[in-house]
């Protein structure tokens, strides 16, 4: 078994990023959970939820 060491600050940054992605996932899930097949989100709505541009 290998042991990997990382600096505490880097580890905290990694946890912050995971928490941010979790928050985005929950927000997207909440937007979709009660929608039917005909209620798809537009690309603009998805990009807005994920806070990215449509070219990304």
C-alpha atoms as a PDB file:
ATOM      1  CA  UNK A   1       0.000   0.000   0.000  1.00  0.00           C
ATOM      2  CA  UNK A   2       1.329   3.430  -0.985  1.00  0.00           C
ATOM      3  CA  UNK A   3       1.179   6.474   1.248  1.00  0.00           C
ATOM      4  CA  UNK A   4       0.676   9.896  -0.298  1.00  0.00           C
ATOM      5  CA  UNK A   5       1.263  13.095   1.629  1.00  0.00           C
ATOM      6  CA  UNK A   6      -0.264  16.426   0.695  1.00  0.00           C
ATOM      7  CA  UNK A   7      -0.184  19.777   2.404  1.00  0.00           C
ATOM      8  CA  UNK A   8      -3.077  20.575   4.716  1.00  0.00           C
ATOM      9  CA  UNK A   9      -4.071  23.677   2.725  1.00  0.00           C
ATOM     10  CA  UNK A  10      -4.217  21.673  -0.519  1.00  0.00           C
ATOM     11  CA  UNK A  11      -6.371  19.044   1.180  1.00  0.00           C
ATOM     12  CA  UNK A  12      -8.742  21.728   2.459  1.00  0.00           C
ATOM     13  CA  UNK A  13      -8.980  23.205  -1.052  1.00  0.00           C
ATOM     14  CA  UNK A  14      -9.833  19.760  -2.417  1.00  0.00           C
ATOM     15  CA  UNK A  15     -12.595  19.361   0.170  1.00  0.00           C
ATOM     16  CA  UNK A  16     -13.943  22.818  -0.700  1.00  0.00           C
ATOM     17  CA  UNK A  17     -14.124  21.869  -4.379  1.00  0.00           C
ATOM     18  CA  UNK A  18     -15.923  18.628  -3.596  1.00  0.00           C
ATOM     19  CA  UNK A  19     -18.398  20.535  -1.420  1.00  0.00           C
ATOM     20  CA  UNK A  20     -18.976  23.017  -4.262  1.00  0.00           C
ATOM     21  CA  UNK A  21     -19.612  20.197  -6.752  1.00  0.00           C
ATOM     22  CA  UNK A  22     -21.997  18.562  -4.289  1.00  0.00           C
ATOM     23  CA  UNK A  23     -23.896  21.838  -3.960  1.00  0.00           C
ATOM     24  CA  UNK A  24     -24.195  22.085  -7.759  1.00  0.00           C
ATOM     25  CA  UNK A  25     -25.363  18.472  -7.980  1.00  0.00           C
ATOM     26  CA  UNK A  26     -28.082  19.055  -5.360  1.00  0.00           C
ATOM     27  CA  UNK A  27     -29.219  22.240  -7.111  1.00  0.00           C
ATOM     28  CA  UNK A  28     -29.467  20.427 -10.450  1.00  0.00           C
ATOM     29  CA  UNK A  29     -31.255  17.477  -8.843  1.00  0.00           C
ATOM     30  CA  UNK A  30     -33.787  19.774  -7.172  1.00  0.00           C
ATOM     31  CA  UNK A  31     -34.457  21.409 -10.552  1.00  0.00           C
ATOM     32  CA  UNK A  32     -35.103  18.060 -12.217  1.00  0.00           C
ATOM     33  CA  UNK A  33     -36.689  15.755  -9.670  1.00  0.00           C
ATOM     34  CA  UNK A  34     -40.309  16.784 -10.250  1.00  0.00           C
ATOM     35  CA  UNK A  35     -40.067  17.335 -14.002  1.00  0.00           C
ATOM     36  CA  UNK A  36     -41.608  15.065 -16.564  1.00  0.00           C
ATOM     37  CA  UNK A  37     -40.025  13.910 -19.803  1.00  0.00           C
ATOM     38  CA  UNK A  38     -41.381  16.993 -21.590  1.00  0.00           C
ATOM     39  CA  UNK A  39     -39.882  19.371 -19.043  1.00  0.00           C
ATOM     40  CA  UNK A  40     -36.229  19.203 -20.074  1.00  0.00           C
ATOM     41  CA  UNK A  41     -33.985  22.096 -19.129  1.00  0.00           C
ATOM     42  CA  UNK A  42     -32.573  24.309 -21.843  1.00  0.00           C
ATOM     43  CA  UNK A  43     -28.820  24.548 -22.328  1.00  0.00           C
ATOM     44  CA  UNK A  44     -28.988  28.072 -20.920  1.00  0.00           C
ATOM     45  CA  UNK A  45     -30.711  26.845 -17.745  1.00  0.00           C
ATOM     46  CA  UNK A  46     -28.164  24.062 -17.214  1.00  0.00           C
ATOM     47  CA  UNK A  47     -25.252  26.441 -17.760  1.00  0.00           C
ATOM     48  CA  UNK A  48     -26.811  28.902 -15.331  1.00  0.00           C
ATOM     49  CA  UNK A  49     -27.223  26.204 -12.665  1.00  0.00           C
ATOM     50  CA  UNK A  50     -23.653  24.982 -13.161  1.00  0.00           C
ATOM     51  CA  UNK A  51     -22.332  28.549 -13.390  1.00  0.00           C
ATOM     52  CA  UNK A  52     -20.508  27.905 -16.669  1.00  0.00           C
ATOM     53  CA  UNK A  53     -20.722  29.470 -20.107  1.00  0.00           C
ATOM     54  CA  UNK A  54     -22.488  27.618 -22.899  1.00  0.00           C
ATOM     55  CA  UNK A  55     -19.189  27.296 -24.770  1.00  0.00           C
ATOM     56  CA  UNK A  56     -17.706  25.423 -21.821  1.00  0.00           C
END
